[in-house]
């Protein structure tokens, strides 16, 4: 039986690393912390509460960041697929 959890974690780390590099090249003001929060929620299986405690923010703010960053990530993935 394959461990898909490990594969998802590796993919998430690679995706975040590529996005950080691209966003730095574009000189956009996009917090790396937001990408980490998105990855922790999306692939790490952490709860809003756990992520909030780790980053000293509230659950609602974690939810907002996750949604906002998800839009950016999806746009990034679509741009990569188009190339």
PDB file of N, CA and C in Angstrom:
ATOM      1  N   UNK A   1       0.844  -1.186   0.000  1.00  0.00           N
ATOM      2  CA  UNK A   1       0.000   0.000   0.000  1.00  0.00           C
ATOM      3  C   UNK A   1       0.886   1.246   0.000  1.00  0.00           C
ATOM      4  N   UNK A   2       0.572   2.204  -0.855  1.00  0.00           N
ATOM      5  CA  UNK A   2       1.387   3.413  -0.994  1.00  0.00           C
ATOM      6  C   UNK A   2       0.991   4.457   0.037  1.00  0.00           C
ATOM      7  N   UNK A   3       1.984   5.249   0.422  1.00  0.00           N
ATOM      8  CA  UNK A   3       1.756   6.317   1.386  1.00  0.00           C
ATOM      9  C   UNK A   3       1.533   7.623   0.627  1.00  0.00           C
ATOM     10  N   UNK A   4       0.271   7.932   0.309  1.00  0.00           N
ATOM     11  CA  UNK A   4      -0.038   9.140  -0.441  1.00  0.00           C
ATOM     12  C   UNK A   4       0.171  10.398   0.388  1.00  0.00           C
ATOM     13  N   UNK A   5       0.132  10.268   1.707  1.00  0.00           N
ATOM     14  CA  UNK A   5       0.365  11.426   2.564  1.00  0.00           C
ATOM     15  C   UNK A   5       1.759  11.991   2.368  1.00  0.00           C
ATOM     16  N   UNK A   6       2.745  11.122   2.261  1.00  0.00           N
ATOM     17  CA  UNK A   6       4.127  11.563   2.049  1.00  0.00           C
ATOM     18  C   UNK A   6       4.277  12.214   0.675  1.00  0.00           C
ATOM     19  N   UNK A   7       3.635  11.629  -0.344  1.00  0.00           N
ATOM     20  CA  UNK A   7       3.703  12.203  -1.684  1.00  0.00           C
ATOM     21  C   UNK A   7       3.073  13.598  -1.719  1.00  0.00           C
ATOM     22  N   UNK A   8       1.934  13.751  -1.054  1.00  0.00           N
ATOM     23  CA  UNK A   8       1.275  15.064  -1.005  1.00  0.00           C
ATOM     24  C   UNK A   8       2.158  16.084  -0.302  1.00  0.00           C
ATOM     25  N   UNK A   9       2.859  15.671   0.749  1.00  0.00           N
ATOM     26  CA  UNK A   9       3.742  16.573   1.475  1.00  0.00           C
ATOM     27  C   UNK A   9       4.893  17.024   0.592  1.00  0.00           C
ATOM     28  N   UNK A  10       5.486  16.106  -0.149  1.00  0.00           N
ATOM     29  CA  UNK A  10       6.596  16.438  -1.038  1.00  0.00           C
ATOM     30  C   UNK A  10       6.124  17.385  -2.133  1.00  0.00           C
ATOM     31  N   UNK A  11       4.981  17.091  -2.718  1.00  0.00           N
ATOM     32  CA  UNK A  11       4.428  17.957  -3.764  1.00  0.00           C
ATOM     33  C   UNK A  11       4.160  19.353  -3.208  1.00  0.00           C
ATOM     34  N   UNK A  12       3.590  19.435  -2.014  1.00  0.00           N
ATOM     35  CA  UNK A  12       3.295  20.734  -1.401  1.00  0.00           C
ATOM     36  C   UNK A  12       4.572  21.531  -1.178  1.00  0.00           C
ATOM     37  N   UNK A  13       5.623  20.873  -0.674  1.00  0.00           N
ATOM     38  CA  UNK A  13       6.892  21.568  -0.440  1.00  0.00           C
ATOM     39  C   UNK A  13       7.483  22.077  -1.743  1.00  0.00           C
ATOM     40  N   UNK A  14       7.415  21.257  -2.812  1.00  0.00           N
ATOM     41  CA  UNK A  14       7.941  21.681  -4.104  1.00  0.00           C
ATOM     42  C   UNK A  14       7.137  22.851  -4.670  1.00  0.00           C
ATOM     43  N   UNK A  15       5.829  22.777  -4.532  1.00  0.00           N
ATOM     44  CA  UNK A  15       4.966  23.849  -5.026  1.00  0.00           C
ATOM     45  C   UNK A  15       5.245  25.161  -4.302  1.00  0.00           C
ATOM     46  N   UNK A  16       5.350  25.101  -2.981  1.00  0.00           N
ATOM     47  CA  UNK A  16       5.641  26.311  -2.200  1.00  0.00           C
ATOM     48  C   UNK A  16       7.002  26.864  -2.582  1.00  0.00           C
ATOM     49  N   UNK A  17       8.006  26.011  -2.743  1.00  0.00           N
ATOM     50  CA  UNK A  17       9.349  26.476  -3.112  1.00  0.00           C
ATOM     51  C   UNK A  17       9.329  27.164  -4.475  1.00  0.00           C
ATOM     52  N   UNK A  18       8.616  26.584  -5.446  1.00  0.00           N
ATOM     53  CA  UNK A  18       8.527  27.203  -6.773  1.00  0.00           C
ATOM     54  C   UNK A  18       7.816  28.548  -6.698  1.00  0.00           C
ATOM     55  N   UNK A  19       6.748  28.616  -5.907  1.00  0.00           N
ATOM     56  CA  UNK A  19       6.000  29.858  -5.804  1.00  0.00           C
ATOM     57  C   UNK A  19       6.811  30.948  -5.123  1.00  0.00           C
ATOM     58  N   UNK A  20       7.551  30.585  -4.090  1.00  0.00           N
ATOM     59  CA  UNK A  20       8.384  31.578  -3.398  1.00  0.00           C
ATOM     60  C   UNK A  20       9.405  32.147  -4.372  1.00  0.00           C
ATOM     61  N   UNK A  21      10.035  31.288  -5.141  1.00  0.00           N
ATOM     62  CA  UNK A  21      11.023  31.744  -6.125  1.00  0.00           C
ATOM     63  C   UNK A  21      10.373  32.662  -7.158  1.00  0.00           C
ATOM     64  N   UNK A  22       9.223  32.259  -7.685  1.00  0.00           N
ATOM     65  CA  UNK A  22       8.524  33.055  -8.704  1.00  0.00           C
ATOM     66  C   UNK A  22       8.075  34.402  -8.134  1.00  0.00           C
ATOM     67  N   UNK A  23       7.515  34.404  -6.938  1.00  0.00           N
ATOM     68  CA  UNK A  23       7.031  35.650  -6.352  1.00  0.00           C
ATOM     69  C   UNK A  23       8.182  36.598  -6.046  1.00  0.00           C
ATOM     70  N   UNK A  24       9.337  36.061  -5.662  1.00  0.00           N
ATOM     71  CA  UNK A  24      10.502  36.913  -5.429  1.00  0.00           C
ATOM     72  C   UNK A  24      10.982  37.517  -6.735  1.00  0.00           C
ATOM     73  N   UNK A  25      10.968  36.719  -7.817  1.00  0.00           N
ATOM     74  CA  UNK A  25      11.382  37.226  -9.120  1.00  0.00           C
ATOM     75  C   UNK A  25      10.441  38.323  -9.611  1.00  0.00           C
ATOM     76  N   UNK A  26       9.163  38.166  -9.297  1.00  0.00           N
ATOM     77  CA  UNK A  26       8.172  39.149  -9.722  1.00  0.00           C
ATOM     78  C   UNK A  26       8.171  40.367  -8.805  1.00  0.00           C
ATOM     79  N   UNK A  27       8.917  40.270  -7.696  1.00  0.00           N
ATOM     80  CA  UNK A  27       9.007  41.349  -6.709  1.00  0.00           C
ATOM     81  C   UNK A  27       7.630  41.754  -6.191  1.00  0.00           C
ATOM     82  N   UNK A  28       6.770  40.780  -6.040  1.00  0.00           N
ATOM     83  CA  UNK A  28       5.437  41.049  -5.480  1.00  0.00           C
ATOM     84  C   UNK A  28       5.512  41.004  -3.974  1.00  0.00           C
ATOM     85  N   UNK A  29       4.630  41.738  -3.358  1.00  0.00           N
ATOM     86  CA  UNK A  29       4.515  41.748  -1.903  1.00  0.00           C
ATOM     87  C   UNK A  29       3.526  40.653  -1.496  1.00  0.00           C
ATOM     88  N   UNK A  30       4.009  39.424  -1.433  1.00  0.00           N
ATOM     89  CA  UNK A  30       3.157  38.314  -1.028  1.00  0.00           C
ATOM     90  C   UNK A  30       3.868  37.564   0.085  1.00  0.00           C
ATOM     91  N   UNK A  31       3.322  37.584   1.277  1.00  0.00           N
ATOM     92  CA  UNK A  31       4.008  36.984   2.420  1.00  0.00           C
ATOM     93  C   UNK A  31       4.219  35.478   2.273  1.00  0.00           C
ATOM     94  N   UNK A  32       5.434  35.038   2.483  1.00  0.00           N
ATOM     95  CA  UNK A  32       5.758  33.622   2.463  1.00  0.00           C
ATOM     96  C   UNK A  32       4.964  32.912   3.563  1.00  0.00           C
ATOM     97  N   UNK A  33       4.734  33.613   4.667  1.00  0.00           N
ATOM     98  CA  UNK A  33       3.945  33.044   5.758  1.00  0.00           C
ATOM     99  C   UNK A  33       2.585  32.564   5.265  1.00  0.00           C
ATOM    100  N   UNK A  34       1.970  33.321   4.357  1.00  0.00           N
ATOM    101  CA  UNK A  34       0.667  32.934   3.834  1.00  0.00           C
ATOM    102  C   UNK A  34       0.753  31.614   3.070  1.00  0.00           C
ATOM    103  N   UNK A  35       1.835  31.430   2.308  1.00  0.00           N
ATOM    104  CA  UNK A  35       2.026  30.162   1.597  1.00  0.00           C
ATOM    105  C   UNK A  35       2.206  29.007   2.578  1.00  0.00           C
ATOM    106  N   UNK A  36       2.934  29.265   3.645  1.00  0.00           N
ATOM    107  CA  UNK A  36       3.138  28.221   4.648  1.00  0.00           C
ATOM    108  C   UNK A  36       1.825  27.857   5.330  1.00  0.00           C
ATOM    109  N   UNK A  37       1.030  28.870   5.650  1.00  0.00           N
ATOM    110  CA  UNK A  37      -0.276  28.620   6.271  1.00  0.00           C
ATOM    111  C   UNK A  37      -1.150  27.815   5.317  1.00  0.00           C
ATOM    112  N   UNK A  38      -1.162  28.182   4.044  1.00  0.00           N
ATOM    113  CA  UNK A  38      -1.953  27.458   3.055  1.00  0.00           C
ATOM    114  C   UNK A  38      -1.515  25.996   2.985  1.00  0.00           C
ATOM    115  N   UNK A  39      -0.206  25.761   2.919  1.00  0.00           N
ATOM    116  CA  UNK A  39       0.309  24.394   2.806  1.00  0.00           C
ATOM    117  C   UNK A  39       0.021  23.581   4.070  1.00  0.00           C
ATOM    118  N   UNK A  40       0.146  24.217   5.231  1.00  0.00           N
ATOM    119  CA  UNK A  40      -0.149  23.506   6.479  1.00  0.00           C
ATOM    120  C   UNK A  40      -1.605  23.076   6.534  1.00  0.00           C
ATOM    121  N   UNK A  41      -2.483  23.919   6.063  1.00  0.00           N
ATOM    122  CA  UNK A  41      -3.920  23.608   6.079  1.00  0.00           C
ATOM    123  C   UNK A  41      -4.260  22.610   4.980  1.00  0.00           C
ATOM    124  N   UNK A  42      -3.730  22.838   3.780  1.00  0.00           N
ATOM    125  CA  UNK A  42      -4.089  22.024   2.617  1.00  0.00           C
ATOM    126  C   UNK A  42      -3.473  20.627   2.669  1.00  0.00           C
ATOM    127  N   UNK A  43      -2.200  20.562   2.983  1.00  0.00           N
ATOM    128  CA  UNK A  43      -1.479  19.292   2.915  1.00  0.00           C
ATOM    129  C   UNK A  43      -1.042  18.756   4.270  1.00  0.00           C
ATOM    130  N   UNK A  44      -0.928  19.625   5.255  1.00  0.00           N
ATOM    131  CA  UNK A  44      -0.456  19.187   6.558  1.00  0.00           C
ATOM    132  C   UNK A  44      -1.542  18.634   7.452  1.00  0.00           C
ATOM    133  N   UNK A  45      -2.792  18.877   7.081  1.00  0.00           N
ATOM    134  CA  UNK A  45      -3.900  18.373   7.870  1.00  0.00           C
ATOM    135  C   UNK A  45      -4.067  19.060   9.211  1.00  0.00           C
ATOM    136  N   UNK A  46      -3.451  20.231   9.360  1.00  0.00           N
ATOM    137  CA  UNK A  46      -3.565  20.955  10.628  1.00  0.00           C
ATOM    138  C   UNK A  46      -4.918  21.660  10.702  1.00  0.00           C
ATOM    139  N   UNK A  47      -5.421  21.820  11.904  1.00  0.00           N
ATOM    140  CA  UNK A  47      -6.683  22.532  12.097  1.00  0.00           C
ATOM    141  C   UNK A  47      -6.434  24.032  12.063  1.00  0.00           C
ATOM    142  N   UNK A  48      -7.515  24.780  11.864  1.00  0.00           N
ATOM    143  CA  UNK A  48      -7.410  26.245  11.900  1.00  0.00           C
ATOM    144  C   UNK A  48      -6.844  26.703  13.236  1.00  0.00           C
ATOM    145  N   UNK A  49      -7.293  26.066  14.290  1.00  0.00           N
ATOM    146  CA  UNK A  49      -6.848  26.413  15.646  1.00  0.00           C
ATOM    147  C   UNK A  49      -5.343  26.166  15.813  1.00  0.00           C
ATOM    148  N   UNK A  50      -4.868  25.000  15.351  1.00  0.00           N
ATOM    149  CA  UNK A  50      -3.446  24.675  15.473  1.00  0.00           C
ATOM    150  C   UNK A  50      -2.568  25.664  14.704  1.00  0.00           C
ATOM    151  N   UNK A  51      -2.981  25.971  13.485  1.00  0.00           N
ATOM    152  CA  UNK A  51      -2.217  26.915  12.656  1.00  0.00           C
ATOM    153  C   UNK A  51      -2.248  28.298  13.293  1.00  0.00           C
ATOM    154  N   UNK A  52      -3.414  28.708  13.785  1.00  0.00           N
ATOM    155  CA  UNK A  52      -3.539  30.006  14.444  1.00  0.00           C
ATOM    156  C   UNK A  52      -2.614  30.129  15.639  1.00  0.00           C
ATOM    157  N   UNK A  53      -2.552  29.088  16.462  1.00  0.00           N
ATOM    158  CA  UNK A  53      -1.655  29.114  17.626  1.00  0.00           C
ATOM    159  C   UNK A  53      -0.196  29.190  17.194  1.00  0.00           C
ATOM    160  N   UNK A  54       0.149  28.451  16.163  1.00  0.00           N
ATOM    161  CA  UNK A  54       1.532  28.426  15.683  1.00  0.00           C
ATOM    162  C   UNK A  54       1.980  29.797  15.169  1.00  0.00           C
ATOM    163  N   UNK A  55       1.083  30.508  14.502  1.00  0.00           N
ATOM    164  CA  UNK A  55       1.423  31.797  13.891  1.00  0.00           C
ATOM    165  C   UNK A  55       0.884  32.995  14.678  1.00  0.00           C
ATOM    166  N   UNK A  56       0.307  32.739  15.827  1.00  0.00           N
ATOM    167  CA  UNK A  56      -0.239  33.792  16.696  1.00  0.00           C
ATOM    168  C   UNK A  56      -1.300  34.644  16.006  1.00  0.00           C
ATOM    169  N   UNK A  57      -2.223  33.970  15.339  1.00  0.00           N
ATOM    170  CA  UNK A  57      -3.361  34.642  14.714  1.00  0.00           C
ATOM    171  C   UNK A  57      -4.612  33.821  15.016  1.00  0.00           C
ATOM    172  N   UNK A  58      -5.766  34.399  14.768  1.00  0.00           N
ATOM    173  CA  UNK A  58      -7.023  33.720  15.051  1.00  0.00           C
ATOM    174  C   UNK A  58      -7.423  32.732  13.965  1.00  0.00           C
ATOM    175  N   UNK A  59      -8.345  31.841  14.313  1.00  0.00           N
ATOM    176  CA  UNK A  59      -8.835  30.844  13.354  1.00  0.00           C
ATOM    177  C   UNK A  59      -9.439  31.501  12.119  1.00  0.00           C
ATOM    178  N   UNK A  60     -10.210  32.551  12.323  1.00  0.00           N
ATOM    179  CA  UNK A  60     -10.857  33.236  11.199  1.00  0.00           C
ATOM    180  C   UNK A  60      -9.820  33.820  10.252  1.00  0.00           C
ATOM    181  N   UNK A  61      -8.753  34.376  10.801  1.00  0.00           N
ATOM    182  CA  UNK A  61      -7.694  34.938   9.953  1.00  0.00           C
ATOM    183  C   UNK A  61      -7.002  33.828   9.174  1.00  0.00           C
ATOM    184  N   UNK A  62      -6.792  32.689   9.804  1.00  0.00           N
ATOM    185  CA  UNK A  62      -6.201  31.537   9.101  1.00  0.00           C
ATOM    186  C   UNK A  62      -7.100  31.132   7.938  1.00  0.00           C
ATOM    187  N   UNK A  63      -8.401  31.079   8.189  1.00  0.00           N
ATOM    188  CA  UNK A  63      -9.351  30.719   7.135  1.00  0.00           C
ATOM    189  C   UNK A  63      -9.293  31.705   5.970  1.00  0.00           C
ATOM    190  N   UNK A  64      -9.234  32.994   6.290  1.00  0.00           N
ATOM    191  CA  UNK A  64      -9.165  34.031   5.255  1.00  0.00           C
ATOM    192  C   UNK A  64      -7.885  33.898   4.437  1.00  0.00           C
ATOM    193  N   UNK A  65      -6.765  33.692   5.114  1.00  0.00           N
ATOM    194  CA  UNK A  65      -5.477  33.546   4.426  1.00  0.00           C
ATOM    195  C   UNK A  65      -5.495  32.309   3.540  1.00  0.00           C
ATOM    196  N   UNK A  66      -6.058  31.217   4.051  1.00  0.00           N
ATOM    197  CA  UNK A  66      -6.118  29.976   3.284  1.00  0.00           C
ATOM    198  C   UNK A  66      -6.900  30.170   1.991  1.00  0.00           C
ATOM    199  N   UNK A  67      -8.020  30.839   2.067  1.00  0.00           N
ATOM    200  CA  UNK A  67      -8.840  31.085   0.875  1.00  0.00           C
ATOM    201  C   UNK A  67      -8.111  32.009  -0.099  1.00  0.00           C
ATOM    202  N   UNK A  68      -7.586  33.127   0.399  1.00  0.00           N
ATOM    203  CA  UNK A  68      -6.897  34.102  -0.452  1.00  0.00           C
ATOM    204  C   UNK A  68      -5.694  33.471  -1.143  1.00  0.00           C
ATOM    205  N   UNK A  69      -4.914  32.721  -0.394  1.00  0.00           N
ATOM    206  CA  UNK A  69      -3.717  32.113  -0.948  1.00  0.00           C
ATOM    207  C   UNK A  69      -4.084  30.988  -1.912  1.00  0.00           C
ATOM    208  N   UNK A  70      -5.166  30.291  -1.648  1.00  0.00           N
ATOM    209  CA  UNK A  70      -5.624  29.248  -2.564  1.00  0.00           C
ATOM    210  C   UNK A  70      -5.907  29.799  -3.954  1.00  0.00           C
ATOM    211  N   UNK A  71      -6.464  30.992  -4.028  1.00  0.00           N
ATOM    212  CA  UNK A  71      -6.720  31.638  -5.322  1.00  0.00           C
ATOM    213  C   UNK A  71      -5.397  31.894  -6.042  1.00  0.00           C
ATOM    214  N   UNK A  72      -4.400  32.402  -5.316  1.00  0.00           N
ATOM    215  CA  UNK A  72      -3.088  32.681  -5.897  1.00  0.00           C
ATOM    216  C   UNK A  72      -2.415  31.388  -6.358  1.00  0.00           C
ATOM    217  N   UNK A  73      -2.493  30.352  -5.542  1.00  0.00           N
ATOM    218  CA  UNK A  73      -1.882  29.063  -5.881  1.00  0.00           C
ATOM    219  C   UNK A  73      -2.535  28.475  -7.128  1.00  0.00           C
ATOM    220  N   UNK A  74      -3.852  28.508  -7.192  1.00  0.00           N
ATOM    221  CA  UNK A  74      -4.548  27.973  -8.370  1.00  0.00           C
ATOM    222  C   UNK A  74      -4.174  28.738  -9.632  1.00  0.00           C
ATOM    223  N   UNK A  75      -4.051  30.049  -9.527  1.00  0.00           N
ATOM    224  CA  UNK A  75      -3.639  30.863 -10.675  1.00  0.00           C
ATOM    225  C   UNK A  75      -2.221  30.475 -11.096  1.00  0.00           C
ATOM    226  N   UNK A  76      -1.335  30.300 -10.121  1.00  0.00           N
ATOM    227  CA  UNK A  76       0.039  29.905 -10.397  1.00  0.00           C
ATOM    228  C   UNK A  76       0.086  28.548 -11.112  1.00  0.00           C
ATOM    229  N   UNK A  77      -0.716  27.599 -10.648  1.00  0.00           N
ATOM    230  CA  UNK A  77      -0.734  26.268 -11.253  1.00  0.00           C
ATOM    231  C   UNK A  77      -1.250  26.333 -12.686  1.00  0.00           C
ATOM    232  N   UNK A  78      -2.297  27.108 -12.913  1.00  0.00           N
ATOM    233  CA  UNK A  78      -2.832  27.247 -14.267  1.00  0.00           C
ATOM    234  C   UNK A  78      -1.818  27.889 -15.206  1.00  0.00           C
ATOM    235  N   UNK A  79      -1.062  28.877 -14.721  1.00  0.00           N
ATOM    236  CA  UNK A  79      -0.022  29.511 -15.528  1.00  0.00           C
ATOM    237  C   UNK A  79       1.076  28.499 -15.867  1.00  0.00           C
ATOM    238  N   UNK A  80       1.441  27.655 -14.894  1.00  0.00           N
ATOM    239  CA  UNK A  80       2.475  26.639 -15.132  1.00  0.00           C
ATOM    240  C   UNK A  80       2.005  25.604 -16.147  1.00  0.00           C
ATOM    241  N   UNK A  81       0.717  25.228 -16.098  1.00  0.00           N
ATOM    242  CA  UNK A  81       0.174  24.240 -17.026  1.00  0.00           C
ATOM    243  C   UNK A  81       0.106  24.797 -18.438  1.00  0.00           C
ATOM    244  N   UNK A  82      -0.092  26.105 -18.566  1.00  0.00           N
ATOM    245  CA  UNK A  82      -0.208  26.731 -19.874  1.00  0.00           C
ATOM    246  C   UNK A  82       1.137  26.821 -20.597  1.00  0.00           C
ATOM    247  N   UNK A  83       2.215  26.755 -19.830  1.00  0.00           N
ATOM    248  CA  UNK A  83       3.561  26.896 -20.431  1.00  0.00           C
ATOM    249  C   UNK A  83       3.999  25.613 -21.059  1.00  0.00           C
TER     250      UNK A  83
END
